[in-house]
Amino acid sequence: MTSPMTETEKYEVIVVGAGAAGLSAALVLGRARRRTLVVDAGEPRNAPAAHMQGYLSRDGMPPAEFLAIGREEIARYGVELVRDRAVDASRDGEHGDFAVTLAGGRTVRSRALVIATGLKDELPDVPGVAERFGRDVLHCPYCHGWEVRDQPFGVLATTPMSVHQALMVSQWSKDVTFFLHKVAEQELSDDDLRRLAAAGVKVVPGEVAALVVEDDRLTGVRLAGGAPSGGGSTHERSVLFVAPRPVPQNDLLVRLGAELQETPFGAYPVIDERGLTTVPGLWAAGNASGFAEQVINAASRGYRAGAAINGELLMADLDARIGV
């Protein structure tokens, strides 16, 4: 599946990123008989998760298995895949070819470029959170709520917006404790407090010092000394929900001059409904295009981009033949 490249090579489309969005775009393009290269750095966002949920017909499938099947499928249609990292990208004029430089020293070129590099989750700096992430430290109730339903939940506040997460997870458990951590109770609105009370969510002020883990499972959340609710006290919890800070991997988009828009979840490219950025020929899909693209949404975005790219390349070639 991996094609060795020892010199500059020309493709019709290069897809940077081999998650659900990138593989989906490549599948469409391969079936459309476009010479396509996928650059895979091998760092999927959902790697810590043992399974993925909510993807019709793939519910419960391990993410690694999902991606392995995707790589096999694109190979059937002649799509090439290289295990490498794209470290730079440039363009020859407004409508020229894209040049993508790989960490291995190779340079590849294409008429169209899809950025599907996703984002990284920056976790709260609390001992135990990173080690347990994807196991009993979770971030998405739609992804994992059913599997941990009815257990004692904790929610670690990272911003006042974490109230929304605490309210949402109460759909899966009636035993929810909201740890304010570094968020002051005064930062919560009266409506926030009323909704938390209505949902039966217990609010605990004070900074969280660490997670308590016994026999390789989360058993509690320990507060720092001097916390208003009891310095150093431990609250028994089996699951902790956190809201990582999303860090979009948009370096290539920036280098190519794509317009970005700031959101509460980071800077993402301005795109049309198909995924085309403000740079002609440059597309974004999956979490490279927005924060809330779960696996099934990312695959849809990739499909849409792939089909649109094929149509644009076709029309450009036809117009060139008739001199338009």
Protein backbone atom coordinates (compact mmCIF):
# COMPACT_ATOMS: atom_id res chain seq x y z
CA MET A 1 0.00 0.00 0.00
CA THR A 2 2.87 2.35 0.77
CA SER A 3 4.57 3.69 -2.33
CA PRO A 4 8.28 4.61 -2.03
CA MET A 5 8.99 8.06 -3.42
CA THR A 6 12.55 9.10 -4.10
CA GLU A 7 11.91 12.20 -6.22
CA THR A 8 9.32 14.85 -6.84
CA GLU A 9 6.11 13.22 -8.06
CA LYS A 10 2.92 14.66 -9.48
CA TYR A 11 -0.56 13.63 -8.39
CA GLU A 12 -3.95 14.99 -9.20
CA VAL A 13 -4.86 15.20 -5.51
CA ILE A 14 -2.89 14.96 -2.29
CA VAL A 15 -4.75 14.26 0.95
CA VAL A 16 -2.85 15.16 4.11
CA GLY A 17 -4.29 13.14 6.98
CA ALA A 18 -5.56 9.56 7.05
CA GLY A 19 -8.41 9.64 9.53
CA ALA A 20 -12.04 9.18 8.60
CA ALA A 21 -12.16 12.42 6.59
CA GLY A 22 -8.96 11.88 4.65
CA LEU A 23 -9.64 8.23 3.84
CA SER A 24 -13.22 9.00 2.81
CA ALA A 25 -12.06 11.73 0.41
CA ALA A 26 -9.40 9.41 -0.98
CA LEU A 27 -11.93 6.61 -1.49
CA VAL A 28 -14.18 8.84 -3.58
CA LEU A 29 -11.25 10.18 -5.58
CA GLY A 30 -9.81 6.71 -6.18
CA ARG A 31 -13.14 5.46 -7.44
CA ALA A 32 -13.25 8.51 -9.73
CA ARG A 33 -9.92 7.36 -11.21
CA ARG A 34 -7.96 10.29 -9.86
CA ARG A 35 -4.29 9.69 -9.10
CA THR A 36 -4.35 10.34 -5.38
CA LEU A 37 -1.79 10.25 -2.58
CA VAL A 38 -2.62 10.07 1.13
CA VAL A 39 0.00 11.27 3.61
CA ASP A 40 -0.46 9.50 6.95
CA ALA A 41 1.42 10.69 10.03
CA GLY A 42 -0.18 7.88 12.04
CA GLU A 43 -1.54 10.01 14.90
CA PRO A 44 -5.35 9.70 14.90
CA ARG A 45 -7.15 11.83 17.46
CA ASN A 46 -9.22 8.92 18.78
CA ALA A 47 -6.24 6.58 19.29
CA PRO A 48 -6.75 6.47 23.11
CA ALA A 49 -10.31 5.14 22.69
CA ALA A 50 -10.92 1.38 22.71
CA HIS A 51 -14.02 1.73 20.54
CA MET A 52 -16.06 4.28 18.62
CA GLN A 53 -19.81 4.65 18.85
CA GLY A 54 -22.66 6.20 16.93
CA TYR A 55 -21.41 5.26 13.46
CA LEU A 56 -24.23 3.30 11.86
CA SER A 57 -23.06 -0.26 11.03
CA ARG A 58 -19.71 0.40 12.77
CA ASP A 59 -20.95 0.97 16.32
CA GLY A 60 -18.43 -0.38 18.82
CA MET A 61 -15.64 -0.91 16.30
CA PRO A 62 -12.09 -0.18 17.53
CA PRO A 63 -10.77 2.96 15.81
CA ALA A 64 -7.59 1.20 14.68
CA GLU A 65 -9.65 -1.50 12.95
CA PHE A 66 -11.82 1.14 11.26
CA LEU A 67 -8.76 2.89 9.86
CA ALA A 68 -7.13 -0.36 8.76
CA ILE A 69 -10.22 -1.27 6.75
CA GLY A 70 -10.25 2.21 5.24
CA ARG A 71 -6.64 1.87 4.11
CA GLU A 72 -7.42 -1.47 2.51
CA GLU A 73 -10.40 -0.01 0.69
CA ILE A 74 -8.54 2.94 -0.85
CA ALA A 75 -5.76 0.61 -2.01
CA ARG A 76 -8.30 -1.31 -4.15
CA TYR A 77 -8.70 1.79 -6.30
CA GLY A 78 -5.04 2.57 -6.75
CA VAL A 79 -4.79 5.28 -4.10
CA GLU A 80 -1.24 5.46 -2.76
CA LEU A 81 -0.49 5.94 0.93
CA VAL A 82 2.80 7.03 2.45
CA ARG A 83 3.62 6.91 6.16
CA ASP A 84 5.13 10.33 6.64
CA ARG A 85 4.39 13.82 7.89
CA ALA A 86 3.70 16.87 5.74
CA VAL A 87 5.89 19.64 7.14
CA ASP A 88 5.47 22.37 4.53
CA ALA A 89 3.29 23.33 1.59
CA SER A 90 3.46 26.02 -1.07
CA ARG A 91 1.83 26.92 -4.36
CA ASP A 92 3.06 28.15 -7.72
CA GLY A 93 0.84 31.18 -8.25
CA GLU A 94 -2.90 31.42 -7.67
CA HIS A 95 -3.87 28.44 -9.82
CA GLY A 96 -0.59 26.51 -9.99
CA ASP A 97 0.32 23.19 -8.47
CA PHE A 98 0.64 22.60 -4.75
CA ALA A 99 4.01 21.37 -3.49
CA VAL A 100 4.00 19.38 -0.25
CA THR A 101 7.26 18.67 1.58
CA LEU A 102 7.40 15.54 3.70
CA ALA A 103 9.48 15.01 6.82
CA GLY A 104 11.35 12.23 5.03
CA GLY A 105 12.72 14.79 2.56
CA ARG A 106 10.45 14.08 -0.38
CA THR A 107 8.41 16.66 -2.23
CA VAL A 108 5.16 15.74 -3.96
CA ARG A 109 2.93 17.93 -6.10
CA SER A 110 -0.75 18.01 -6.97
CA ARG A 111 -3.46 20.04 -8.62
CA ALA A 112 -5.70 19.93 -5.53
CA LEU A 113 -4.87 19.54 -1.87
CA VAL A 114 -7.07 18.25 0.98
CA ILE A 115 -6.08 19.11 4.55
CA ALA A 116 -7.55 16.54 6.93
CA THR A 117 -5.01 16.85 9.73
CA GLY A 118 -7.62 17.14 12.48
CA LEU A 119 -6.83 18.55 15.89
CA LYS A 120 -5.11 17.60 19.12
CA ASP A 121 -6.70 17.48 22.55
CA GLU A 122 -4.81 19.46 25.19
CA LEU A 123 -5.81 17.89 28.50
CA PRO A 124 -6.10 19.63 31.86
CA ASP A 125 -2.89 19.46 33.89
CA VAL A 126 -4.22 17.23 36.64
CA PRO A 127 -2.23 14.13 37.64
CA GLY A 128 -3.92 11.01 36.30
CA VAL A 129 -6.04 12.66 33.61
CA ALA A 130 -3.73 12.00 30.66
CA GLU A 131 -2.98 8.45 31.79
CA ARG A 132 -6.68 7.54 32.07
CA PHE A 133 -7.93 9.45 29.02
CA GLY A 134 -10.02 7.26 26.75
CA ARG A 135 -10.58 4.70 29.53
CA ASP A 136 -12.46 6.15 32.50
CA VAL A 137 -11.52 9.77 31.81
CA LEU A 138 -13.75 10.75 28.90
CA HIS A 139 -14.86 13.84 27.02
CA CYS A 140 -17.91 12.94 24.91
CA PRO A 141 -21.08 11.39 26.35
CA TYR A 142 -22.33 10.55 22.86
CA CYS A 143 -19.14 8.56 22.27
CA HIS A 144 -18.95 6.79 25.64
CA GLY A 145 -21.99 7.62 27.76
CA TRP A 146 -23.86 4.36 27.16
CA GLU A 147 -20.87 2.24 28.16
CA VAL A 148 -20.50 3.99 31.54
CA ARG A 149 -24.19 4.68 32.20
CA ASP A 150 -25.47 4.84 35.79
CA GLN A 151 -22.00 5.01 37.31
CA PRO A 152 -20.91 7.85 39.62
CA PHE A 153 -19.75 10.61 37.24
CA GLY A 154 -17.46 13.53 37.88
CA VAL A 155 -17.10 16.51 35.56
CA LEU A 156 -13.95 18.61 35.74
CA ALA A 157 -14.63 22.26 34.96
CA THR A 158 -12.05 23.90 32.72
CA THR A 159 -14.12 26.97 31.76
CA PRO A 160 -17.60 28.27 32.67
CA MET A 161 -18.73 26.48 29.46
CA SER A 162 -18.12 23.18 31.27
CA VAL A 163 -21.56 23.64 32.82
CA HIS A 164 -22.98 22.45 29.50
CA GLN A 165 -20.97 19.23 29.75
CA ALA A 166 -22.16 18.61 33.30
CA LEU A 167 -25.76 19.07 32.23
CA MET A 168 -25.37 16.81 29.21
CA VAL A 169 -23.84 13.87 31.07
CA SER A 170 -26.73 13.89 33.52
CA GLN A 171 -28.68 12.14 30.77
CA TRP A 172 -26.52 9.05 31.35
CA SER A 173 -26.23 9.10 35.15
CA LYS A 174 -28.23 10.62 37.98
CA ASP A 175 -25.12 10.70 40.18
CA VAL A 176 -23.08 13.59 38.80
CA THR A 177 -20.61 15.79 40.71
CA PHE A 178 -19.38 18.97 39.06
CA PHE A 179 -15.88 19.88 40.28
CA LEU A 180 -15.35 23.60 39.74
CA HIS A 181 -11.56 23.11 39.89
CA LYS A 182 -10.14 26.52 38.88
CA VAL A 183 -13.50 28.04 37.92
CA ALA A 184 -14.90 30.35 40.60
CA GLU A 185 -18.51 29.75 41.58
CA GLN A 186 -19.14 33.44 40.87
CA GLU A 187 -18.37 32.78 37.20
CA LEU A 188 -21.51 30.64 36.90
CA SER A 189 -24.72 32.46 36.05
CA ASP A 190 -27.91 32.13 38.05
CA ASP A 191 -29.38 30.13 35.16
CA ASP A 192 -26.38 27.79 35.26
CA LEU A 193 -26.89 27.11 38.95
CA ARG A 194 -30.63 26.61 38.56
CA ARG A 195 -30.15 24.15 35.70
CA LEU A 196 -27.49 22.21 37.58
CA ALA A 197 -29.81 21.95 40.55
CA ALA A 198 -32.71 20.86 38.35
CA ALA A 199 -30.53 18.14 36.81
CA GLY A 200 -29.49 16.92 40.26
CA VAL A 201 -25.84 17.81 39.68
CA LYS A 202 -23.84 18.40 42.86
CA VAL A 203 -21.47 21.39 42.62
CA VAL A 204 -18.15 21.08 44.49
CA PRO A 205 -15.87 24.15 44.65
CA GLY A 206 -12.13 23.87 45.04
CA GLU A 207 -9.19 22.80 42.92
CA VAL A 208 -8.75 19.14 42.01
CA ALA A 209 -5.30 17.88 43.00
CA ALA A 210 -5.28 14.40 41.45
CA LEU A 211 -7.26 11.36 40.48
CA VAL A 212 -7.33 8.31 42.72
CA VAL A 213 -6.64 5.07 40.86
CA GLU A 214 -6.80 1.61 42.41
CA ASP A 215 -6.35 -1.73 40.64
CA ASP A 216 -6.05 0.11 37.33
CA ARG A 217 -9.41 1.84 37.60
CA LEU A 218 -10.56 5.28 38.65
CA THR A 219 -12.05 5.28 42.13
CA GLY A 220 -12.08 8.93 43.15
CA VAL A 221 -11.23 12.59 42.69
CA ARG A 222 -9.06 14.22 45.36
CA LEU A 223 -9.25 17.92 46.12
CA ALA A 224 -6.27 20.07 46.98
CA GLY A 225 -5.69 21.07 50.58
CA GLY A 226 -7.60 24.14 51.64
CA ALA A 227 -10.49 23.56 49.22
CA PRO A 228 -13.79 25.09 50.48
CA SER A 229 -15.52 21.72 50.46
CA GLY A 230 -12.86 20.13 52.60
CA GLY A 231 -9.14 20.33 51.88
CA GLY A 232 -7.66 17.10 50.61
CA SER A 233 -11.00 15.29 50.66
CA THR A 234 -11.68 12.54 48.15
CA HIS A 235 -14.96 12.11 46.31
CA GLU A 236 -15.67 8.60 45.09
CA ARG A 237 -16.18 8.60 41.33
CA SER A 238 -15.89 5.89 38.67
CA VAL A 239 -15.85 8.14 35.60
CA LEU A 240 -14.55 11.65 35.03
CA PHE A 241 -15.59 13.79 32.08
CA VAL A 242 -13.23 16.54 30.98
CA ALA A 243 -13.28 19.09 28.18
CA PRO A 244 -9.85 19.13 26.51
CA ARG A 245 -8.73 22.33 24.84
CA PRO A 246 -8.88 21.61 21.10
CA VAL A 247 -5.77 22.66 19.20
CA PRO A 248 -6.45 22.75 15.43
CA GLN A 249 -3.56 21.46 13.35
CA ASN A 250 -3.83 24.26 10.82
CA ASP A 251 -0.17 25.02 10.05
CA LEU A 252 -0.42 24.02 6.38
CA LEU A 253 -3.59 26.04 5.92
CA VAL A 254 -1.85 29.08 7.38
CA ARG A 255 1.21 28.60 5.18
CA LEU A 256 -1.00 28.49 2.10
CA GLY A 257 -2.85 31.66 3.05
CA ALA A 258 -6.28 30.21 3.85
CA GLU A 259 -8.51 32.60 5.76
CA LEU A 260 -9.23 31.43 9.31
CA GLN A 261 -12.04 32.35 11.65
CA GLU A 262 -11.74 32.38 15.42
CA THR A 263 -14.21 30.27 17.39
CA PRO A 264 -14.47 29.38 21.10
CA PHE A 265 -12.71 26.14 20.14
CA GLY A 266 -9.81 27.53 18.09
CA ALA A 267 -9.16 28.93 14.63
CA TYR A 268 -10.63 27.02 11.69
CA PRO A 269 -10.64 27.74 7.96
CA VAL A 270 -13.44 29.61 6.28
CA ILE A 271 -14.98 27.00 3.95
CA ASP A 272 -18.02 26.63 1.74
CA GLU A 273 -20.54 23.82 2.13
CA ARG A 274 -18.24 21.45 0.20
CA GLY A 275 -15.09 22.17 2.21
CA LEU A 276 -13.35 24.54 -0.21
CA THR A 277 -11.24 27.15 1.59
CA THR A 278 -10.63 30.71 0.43
CA VAL A 279 -7.61 29.41 -1.52
CA PRO A 280 -8.62 27.87 -4.89
CA GLY A 281 -7.89 24.15 -4.96
CA LEU A 282 -7.32 23.93 -1.21
CA TRP A 283 -9.87 21.93 0.77
CA ALA A 284 -10.39 21.13 4.44
CA ALA A 285 -12.30 18.19 5.92
CA GLY A 286 -12.96 16.59 9.30
CA ASN A 287 -11.67 18.25 12.45
CA ALA A 288 -9.35 20.38 10.31
CA SER A 289 -12.52 22.20 9.24
CA GLY A 290 -14.32 22.40 12.57
CA PHE A 291 -14.39 21.25 16.17
CA ALA A 292 -17.55 19.13 16.25
CA GLU A 293 -16.81 16.63 13.47
CA GLN A 294 -17.14 13.19 15.01
CA VAL A 295 -16.08 10.15 12.99
CA ILE A 296 -19.32 9.77 11.04
CA ASN A 297 -19.45 13.51 10.32
CA ALA A 298 -15.80 13.58 9.29
CA ALA A 299 -16.34 10.73 6.85
CA SER A 300 -19.26 12.64 5.34
CA ARG A 301 -17.16 15.79 5.01
CA GLY A 302 -14.42 13.83 3.29
CA TYR A 303 -16.87 12.26 0.87
CA ARG A 304 -18.35 15.63 -0.02
CA ALA A 305 -14.92 17.18 -0.60
CA GLY A 306 -13.76 14.26 -2.74
CA ALA A 307 -16.79 14.42 -5.02
CA ALA A 308 -16.53 18.21 -5.36
CA ILE A 309 -12.81 18.04 -6.19
CA ASN A 310 -13.40 15.49 -8.92
CA GLY A 311 -16.09 17.70 -10.46
CA GLU A 312 -13.90 20.80 -10.35
CA LEU A 313 -10.94 19.03 -11.94
CA LEU A 314 -13.17 17.61 -14.66
CA MET A 315 -14.65 21.00 -15.53
CA ALA A 316 -11.23 22.66 -15.51
CA ASP A 317 -9.92 20.08 -17.98
CA LEU A 318 -12.94 20.45 -20.26
CA ASP A 319 -12.70 24.24 -20.20
CA ALA A 320 -9.02 24.02 -21.07
CA ARG A 321 -9.86 21.89 -24.11
CA ILE A 322 -12.36 24.35 -25.47
CA GLY A 323 -10.28 27.40 -24.55
CA VAL A 324 -12.53 28.85 -21.87
